[in-house]
């Protein structure tokens, strides 16, 4: 019976790691976007700072989730879910701003959603400490 629990925990840890990997990738994309916003100077300063803060938070929470910290994991899942919803409803605006098909504009929402789902499914692999 304990072997089955070990396998289940291993699967959960693998899912949590995959979710954190998606989080790192999306955090890196947000960092690149923030750098571009600061370099171009076209967006309002408040938006530039908000994107940069979100990027740093995303990377930090992905790291905490990867280390198995329950509090970091919880905030990571909530941030991923929030960004999935925000980019889902913002996809038409992205489509118009970048002149791309709607399917392409929905890619960030899908990636944030996948990262959220993977991290949430990996909850069983977290340590019970904290």
N, C-alpha and C. Protein backbone atom coordinates (compact mmCIF):
# COMPACT_ATOMS: atom_id res chain seq x y z
N UNK A 1 0.81 -1.19 0.00
CA UNK A 1 0.00 0.00 0.00
C UNK A 1 0.86 1.26 0.00
N UNK A 2 1.98 1.25 0.73
CA UNK A 2 2.83 2.43 0.78
C UNK A 2 3.51 2.67 -0.57
N UNK A 3 3.72 1.61 -1.35
CA UNK A 3 4.31 1.80 -2.69
C UNK A 3 3.36 2.59 -3.57
N UNK A 4 2.06 2.31 -3.45
CA UNK A 4 1.07 3.04 -4.23
C UNK A 4 1.05 4.51 -3.81
N UNK A 5 1.17 4.78 -2.53
CA UNK A 5 1.20 6.16 -2.05
C UNK A 5 2.47 6.87 -2.52
N UNK A 6 3.59 6.13 -2.53
CA UNK A 6 4.84 6.72 -3.00
C UNK A 6 4.75 7.08 -4.48
N UNK A 7 4.15 6.18 -5.27
CA UNK A 7 3.99 6.46 -6.70
C UNK A 7 3.07 7.65 -6.91
N UNK A 8 2.01 7.73 -6.12
CA UNK A 8 1.09 8.85 -6.22
C UNK A 8 1.78 10.15 -5.87
N UNK A 9 2.58 10.15 -4.82
CA UNK A 9 3.32 11.35 -4.42
C UNK A 9 4.36 11.72 -5.48
N UNK A 10 5.00 10.71 -6.08
CA UNK A 10 5.98 10.99 -7.14
C UNK A 10 5.30 11.63 -8.35
N UNK A 11 4.13 11.12 -8.72
CA UNK A 11 3.38 11.72 -9.84
C UNK A 11 3.00 13.16 -9.51
N UNK A 12 2.54 13.36 -8.28
CA UNK A 12 2.15 14.71 -7.87
C UNK A 12 3.35 15.66 -7.91
N UNK A 13 4.51 15.19 -7.45
CA UNK A 13 5.71 16.03 -7.50
C UNK A 13 6.09 16.35 -8.94
N UNK A 14 5.95 15.37 -9.82
CA UNK A 14 6.26 15.60 -11.24
C UNK A 14 5.31 16.65 -11.84
N UNK A 15 4.03 16.57 -11.49
CA UNK A 15 3.08 17.56 -11.98
C UNK A 15 3.41 18.94 -11.43
N UNK A 16 3.74 19.00 -10.15
CA UNK A 16 4.10 20.28 -9.54
C UNK A 16 5.35 20.87 -10.20
N UNK A 17 6.33 20.02 -10.51
CA UNK A 17 7.54 20.49 -11.20
C UNK A 17 7.22 20.99 -12.60
N UNK A 18 6.33 20.30 -13.30
CA UNK A 18 5.93 20.75 -14.64
C UNK A 18 5.22 22.09 -14.56
N UNK A 19 4.35 22.25 -13.57
CA UNK A 19 3.67 23.53 -13.38
C UNK A 19 4.65 24.65 -13.08
N UNK A 20 5.65 24.36 -12.25
CA UNK A 20 6.67 25.35 -11.95
C UNK A 20 7.50 25.69 -13.19
N UNK A 21 7.77 24.70 -14.03
CA UNK A 21 8.52 24.95 -15.26
C UNK A 21 7.75 25.89 -16.18
N UNK A 22 6.45 25.65 -16.31
CA UNK A 22 5.61 26.56 -17.11
C UNK A 22 5.62 27.95 -16.48
N UNK A 23 5.58 27.99 -15.15
CA UNK A 23 5.63 29.28 -14.45
C UNK A 23 6.93 30.02 -14.70
N UNK A 24 8.05 29.29 -14.69
CA UNK A 24 9.34 29.92 -14.99
C UNK A 24 9.35 30.47 -16.42
N UNK A 25 8.83 29.69 -17.36
CA UNK A 25 8.82 30.13 -18.76
C UNK A 25 7.96 31.38 -18.92
N UNK A 26 6.79 31.38 -18.29
CA UNK A 26 5.92 32.55 -18.41
C UNK A 26 6.50 33.74 -17.64
N UNK A 27 7.18 33.48 -16.53
CA UNK A 27 7.85 34.55 -15.80
C UNK A 27 8.96 35.17 -16.64
N UNK A 28 9.72 34.33 -17.34
CA UNK A 28 10.78 34.85 -18.21
C UNK A 28 10.18 35.67 -19.35
N UNK A 29 9.05 35.22 -19.89
CA UNK A 29 8.37 35.99 -20.95
C UNK A 29 7.90 37.34 -20.41
N UNK A 30 7.39 37.35 -19.17
CA UNK A 30 6.98 38.61 -18.56
C UNK A 30 8.18 39.53 -18.32
N UNK A 31 9.31 38.97 -17.94
CA UNK A 31 10.52 39.78 -17.76
C UNK A 31 10.93 40.41 -19.09
N UNK A 32 10.91 39.62 -20.16
CA UNK A 32 11.26 40.14 -21.48
C UNK A 32 10.29 41.24 -21.90
N UNK A 33 9.01 41.03 -21.62
CA UNK A 33 8.00 42.04 -21.96
C UNK A 33 8.23 43.31 -21.14
N UNK A 34 8.55 43.16 -19.86
CA UNK A 34 8.81 44.32 -19.01
C UNK A 34 10.03 45.10 -19.50
N UNK A 35 11.08 44.39 -19.89
CA UNK A 35 12.27 45.05 -20.42
C UNK A 35 11.93 45.82 -21.70
N UNK A 36 11.13 45.20 -22.56
CA UNK A 36 10.71 45.87 -23.79
C UNK A 36 9.87 47.12 -23.48
N UNK A 37 8.98 47.00 -22.49
CA UNK A 37 8.16 48.16 -22.12
C UNK A 37 9.02 49.30 -21.59
N UNK A 38 10.01 48.98 -20.76
CA UNK A 38 10.89 50.03 -20.23
C UNK A 38 11.77 50.60 -21.33
N UNK A 39 12.22 49.77 -22.26
CA UNK A 39 13.09 50.25 -23.34
C UNK A 39 12.33 51.16 -24.30
N UNK A 40 11.10 50.79 -24.63
CA UNK A 40 10.33 51.58 -25.60
C UNK A 40 9.74 52.84 -24.96
N UNK A 41 9.35 52.74 -23.70
CA UNK A 41 8.80 53.90 -23.01
C UNK A 41 7.43 54.33 -23.49
N UNK A 42 6.74 53.47 -24.21
CA UNK A 42 5.44 53.85 -24.77
C UNK A 42 4.29 53.65 -23.78
N UNK A 43 4.42 52.73 -22.87
CA UNK A 43 3.35 52.45 -21.91
C UNK A 43 3.51 53.37 -20.69
N UNK A 44 2.41 53.61 -19.99
CA UNK A 44 2.51 54.41 -18.76
C UNK A 44 3.43 53.73 -17.73
N UNK A 45 4.08 54.53 -16.92
CA UNK A 45 5.05 54.01 -15.96
C UNK A 45 4.41 53.04 -14.98
N UNK A 46 3.18 53.28 -14.59
CA UNK A 46 2.50 52.39 -13.65
C UNK A 46 2.34 51.00 -14.25
N UNK A 47 1.99 50.93 -15.53
CA UNK A 47 1.84 49.64 -16.20
C UNK A 47 3.19 48.93 -16.30
N UNK A 48 4.23 49.67 -16.62
CA UNK A 48 5.56 49.06 -16.73
C UNK A 48 6.02 48.47 -15.41
N UNK A 49 5.80 49.22 -14.33
CA UNK A 49 6.20 48.74 -13.00
C UNK A 49 5.35 47.54 -12.60
N UNK A 50 4.05 47.58 -12.92
CA UNK A 50 3.17 46.45 -12.58
C UNK A 50 3.58 45.18 -13.30
N UNK A 51 3.94 45.29 -14.57
CA UNK A 51 4.39 44.11 -15.32
C UNK A 51 5.70 43.58 -14.75
N UNK A 52 6.62 44.49 -14.43
CA UNK A 52 7.90 44.06 -13.86
C UNK A 52 7.70 43.39 -12.50
N UNK A 53 6.83 43.95 -11.67
CA UNK A 53 6.56 43.35 -10.35
C UNK A 53 5.89 41.99 -10.50
N UNK A 54 4.98 41.89 -11.44
CA UNK A 54 4.33 40.60 -11.69
C UNK A 54 5.33 39.56 -12.16
N UNK A 55 6.26 39.97 -13.01
CA UNK A 55 7.28 39.05 -13.52
C UNK A 55 8.17 38.53 -12.40
N UNK A 56 8.62 39.43 -11.55
CA UNK A 56 9.49 39.03 -10.44
C UNK A 56 8.72 38.14 -9.47
N UNK A 57 7.47 38.50 -9.18
CA UNK A 57 6.64 37.69 -8.29
C UNK A 57 6.41 36.30 -8.89
N UNK A 58 6.13 36.25 -10.18
CA UNK A 58 5.90 34.97 -10.86
C UNK A 58 7.13 34.07 -10.73
N UNK A 59 8.31 34.61 -10.96
CA UNK A 59 9.53 33.82 -10.86
C UNK A 59 9.79 33.37 -9.43
N UNK A 60 9.60 34.26 -8.47
CA UNK A 60 9.81 33.91 -7.08
C UNK A 60 8.85 32.84 -6.59
N UNK A 61 7.59 32.96 -6.97
CA UNK A 61 6.60 31.96 -6.55
C UNK A 61 6.80 30.63 -7.26
N UNK A 62 7.26 30.66 -8.51
CA UNK A 62 7.56 29.41 -9.20
C UNK A 62 8.71 28.69 -8.48
N UNK A 63 9.70 29.46 -8.03
CA UNK A 63 10.81 28.88 -7.29
C UNK A 63 10.34 28.29 -5.96
N UNK A 64 9.49 29.02 -5.25
CA UNK A 64 8.96 28.53 -3.97
C UNK A 64 8.13 27.26 -4.18
N UNK A 65 7.35 27.24 -5.26
CA UNK A 65 6.55 26.06 -5.57
C UNK A 65 7.44 24.87 -5.90
N UNK A 66 8.50 25.13 -6.65
CA UNK A 66 9.43 24.06 -7.01
C UNK A 66 10.12 23.49 -5.78
N UNK A 67 10.38 24.31 -4.79
CA UNK A 67 11.03 23.84 -3.56
C UNK A 67 10.04 23.14 -2.62
N UNK A 68 8.77 23.13 -2.98
CA UNK A 68 7.77 22.41 -2.18
C UNK A 68 7.21 23.21 -1.03
N UNK A 69 7.34 24.53 -1.08
CA UNK A 69 6.79 25.37 -0.02
C UNK A 69 5.29 25.53 -0.24
N UNK A 70 4.51 25.14 0.75
CA UNK A 70 3.06 25.16 0.60
C UNK A 70 2.51 26.57 0.40
N UNK A 71 3.00 27.54 1.16
CA UNK A 71 2.51 28.92 1.01
C UNK A 71 2.88 29.47 -0.37
N UNK A 72 4.11 29.24 -0.80
CA UNK A 72 4.53 29.68 -2.12
C UNK A 72 3.73 29.02 -3.22
N UNK A 73 3.46 27.72 -3.03
CA UNK A 73 2.65 26.99 -4.00
C UNK A 73 1.25 27.58 -4.09
N UNK A 74 0.64 27.90 -2.95
CA UNK A 74 -0.72 28.44 -2.95
C UNK A 74 -0.79 29.78 -3.68
N UNK A 75 0.16 30.66 -3.40
CA UNK A 75 0.17 31.94 -4.10
C UNK A 75 0.50 31.77 -5.57
N UNK A 76 1.37 30.82 -5.88
CA UNK A 76 1.72 30.54 -7.27
C UNK A 76 0.49 30.09 -8.06
N UNK A 77 -0.27 29.16 -7.49
CA UNK A 77 -1.48 28.68 -8.18
C UNK A 77 -2.48 29.82 -8.37
N UNK A 78 -2.64 30.65 -7.33
CA UNK A 78 -3.60 31.75 -7.45
C UNK A 78 -3.14 32.79 -8.47
N UNK A 79 -1.84 33.08 -8.52
CA UNK A 79 -1.34 34.03 -9.52
C UNK A 79 -1.50 33.47 -10.93
N UNK A 80 -1.17 32.20 -11.10
CA UNK A 80 -1.33 31.58 -12.43
C UNK A 80 -2.79 31.63 -12.87
N UNK A 81 -3.69 31.28 -11.96
CA UNK A 81 -5.12 31.31 -12.30
C UNK A 81 -5.61 32.71 -12.62
N UNK A 82 -5.16 33.68 -11.85
CA UNK A 82 -5.56 35.07 -12.10
C UNK A 82 -5.04 35.54 -13.45
N UNK A 83 -3.79 35.25 -13.74
CA UNK A 83 -3.22 35.66 -15.03
C UNK A 83 -3.90 34.93 -16.19
N UNK A 84 -4.32 33.69 -15.97
CA UNK A 84 -5.05 32.96 -17.02
C UNK A 84 -6.36 33.67 -17.34
N UNK A 85 -7.09 34.08 -16.32
CA UNK A 85 -8.37 34.77 -16.54
C UNK A 85 -8.15 36.15 -17.16
N UNK A 86 -7.17 36.88 -16.66
CA UNK A 86 -6.90 38.21 -17.20
C UNK A 86 -6.50 38.15 -18.67
N UNK A 87 -5.61 37.22 -19.01
CA UNK A 87 -5.19 37.12 -20.41
C UNK A 87 -6.28 36.51 -21.29
N UNK A 88 -7.17 35.72 -20.71
CA UNK A 88 -8.30 35.20 -21.48
C UNK A 88 -9.21 36.34 -21.92
N UNK A 89 -9.58 37.19 -20.96
CA UNK A 89 -10.46 38.29 -21.31
C UNK A 89 -9.73 39.43 -22.02
N UNK A 90 -8.42 39.46 -21.94
CA UNK A 90 -7.64 40.46 -22.65
C UNK A 90 -7.21 40.02 -24.04
N UNK A 91 -7.52 38.79 -24.42
CA UNK A 91 -7.09 38.27 -25.73
C UNK A 91 -7.60 39.11 -26.91
N UNK A 92 -8.86 39.57 -26.92
CA UNK A 92 -9.29 40.42 -28.04
C UNK A 92 -8.46 41.71 -28.15
N UNK A 93 -8.07 42.26 -27.02
CA UNK A 93 -7.24 43.47 -27.03
C UNK A 93 -5.85 43.15 -27.60
N UNK A 94 -5.29 42.00 -27.20
CA UNK A 94 -4.00 41.57 -27.77
C UNK A 94 -4.10 41.36 -29.27
N UNK A 95 -5.20 40.72 -29.68
CA UNK A 95 -5.41 40.47 -31.11
C UNK A 95 -5.39 41.77 -31.89
N UNK A 96 -6.09 42.79 -31.39
CA UNK A 96 -6.14 44.07 -32.09
C UNK A 96 -4.81 44.82 -32.03
N UNK A 97 -4.13 44.75 -30.88
CA UNK A 97 -2.87 45.49 -30.72
C UNK A 97 -1.75 44.92 -31.58
N UNK A 98 -1.68 43.60 -31.68
CA UNK A 98 -0.58 42.96 -32.40
C UNK A 98 -0.98 42.45 -33.78
N UNK A 99 -2.25 42.62 -34.15
CA UNK A 99 -2.77 42.20 -35.45
C UNK A 99 -2.45 40.72 -35.72
N UNK A 100 -2.86 39.87 -34.76
CA UNK A 100 -2.68 38.43 -34.88
C UNK A 100 -4.05 37.77 -34.76
N UNK A 101 -4.17 36.52 -35.20
CA UNK A 101 -5.45 35.82 -35.02
C UNK A 101 -5.77 35.63 -33.54
N UNK A 102 -7.05 35.48 -33.25
CA UNK A 102 -7.48 35.32 -31.86
C UNK A 102 -6.86 34.08 -31.22
N UNK A 103 -6.68 33.01 -31.99
CA UNK A 103 -6.07 31.79 -31.45
C UNK A 103 -4.66 32.06 -30.93
N UNK A 104 -3.92 32.90 -31.62
CA UNK A 104 -2.57 33.25 -31.17
C UNK A 104 -2.64 34.12 -29.92
N UNK A 105 -3.60 35.02 -29.86
CA UNK A 105 -3.76 35.89 -28.70
C UNK A 105 -4.19 35.11 -27.46
N UNK A 106 -4.77 33.93 -27.64
CA UNK A 106 -5.20 33.11 -26.51
C UNK A 106 -4.09 32.21 -25.96
N UNK A 107 -2.94 32.16 -26.61
CA UNK A 107 -1.85 31.30 -26.16
C UNK A 107 -1.39 31.62 -24.74
N UNK A 108 -1.19 32.91 -24.38
CA UNK A 108 -0.79 33.17 -22.99
C UNK A 108 -1.82 32.67 -21.97
N UNK A 109 -3.10 32.85 -22.26
CA UNK A 109 -4.14 32.37 -21.35
C UNK A 109 -4.07 30.85 -21.21
N UNK A 110 -3.84 30.16 -22.32
CA UNK A 110 -3.75 28.70 -22.27
C UNK A 110 -2.53 28.27 -21.46
N UNK A 111 -1.40 28.93 -21.64
CA UNK A 111 -0.19 28.55 -20.91
C UNK A 111 -0.33 28.82 -19.41
N UNK A 112 -0.89 29.98 -19.06
CA UNK A 112 -1.13 30.25 -17.64
C UNK A 112 -2.11 29.25 -17.06
N UNK A 113 -3.14 28.89 -17.82
CA UNK A 113 -4.12 27.92 -17.35
C UNK A 113 -3.51 26.54 -17.16
N UNK A 114 -2.67 26.12 -18.09
CA UNK A 114 -1.99 24.83 -17.97
C UNK A 114 -1.05 24.83 -16.76
N UNK A 115 -0.31 25.92 -16.59
CA UNK A 115 0.57 26.02 -15.43
C UNK A 115 -0.19 25.96 -14.12
N UNK A 116 -1.33 26.61 -14.08
CA UNK A 116 -2.17 26.59 -12.87
C UNK A 116 -2.69 25.19 -12.61
N UNK A 117 -3.19 24.53 -13.65
CA UNK A 117 -3.75 23.19 -13.48
C UNK A 117 -2.68 22.19 -13.05
N UNK A 118 -1.51 22.25 -13.68
CA UNK A 118 -0.44 21.32 -13.31
C UNK A 118 0.02 21.54 -11.87
N UNK A 119 0.17 22.79 -11.49
CA UNK A 119 0.59 23.07 -10.12
C UNK A 119 -0.48 22.65 -9.12
N UNK A 120 -1.74 22.88 -9.45
CA UNK A 120 -2.83 22.49 -8.55
C UNK A 120 -2.90 20.97 -8.41
N UNK A 121 -2.69 20.25 -9.50
CA UNK A 121 -2.71 18.79 -9.44
C UNK A 121 -1.53 18.24 -8.65
N UNK A 122 -0.47 19.02 -8.55
CA UNK A 122 0.71 18.58 -7.82
C UNK A 122 0.66 18.86 -6.34
N UNK A 123 -0.48 19.27 -5.84
CA UNK A 123 -0.62 19.63 -4.43
C UNK A 123 -0.28 18.48 -3.50
N UNK A 124 -0.60 17.25 -3.88
CA UNK A 124 -0.35 16.10 -3.02
C UNK A 124 1.13 15.84 -2.80
N UNK A 125 1.98 16.36 -3.68
CA UNK A 125 3.41 16.14 -3.55
C UNK A 125 4.11 17.13 -2.64
N UNK A 126 3.37 18.06 -2.08
CA UNK A 126 3.98 19.07 -1.22
C UNK A 126 4.21 18.52 0.18
N UNK A 127 5.17 19.10 0.83
CA UNK A 127 5.42 18.70 2.22
C UNK A 127 4.32 19.27 3.10
N UNK A 128 4.05 18.62 4.20
CA UNK A 128 3.00 19.07 5.11
C UNK A 128 3.50 20.13 6.08
N UNK A 129 4.76 20.50 5.98
CA UNK A 129 5.33 21.50 6.88
C UNK A 129 4.90 22.89 6.45
N UNK A 130 5.09 23.85 7.33
CA UNK A 130 4.77 25.26 7.17
C UNK A 130 3.42 25.49 7.66
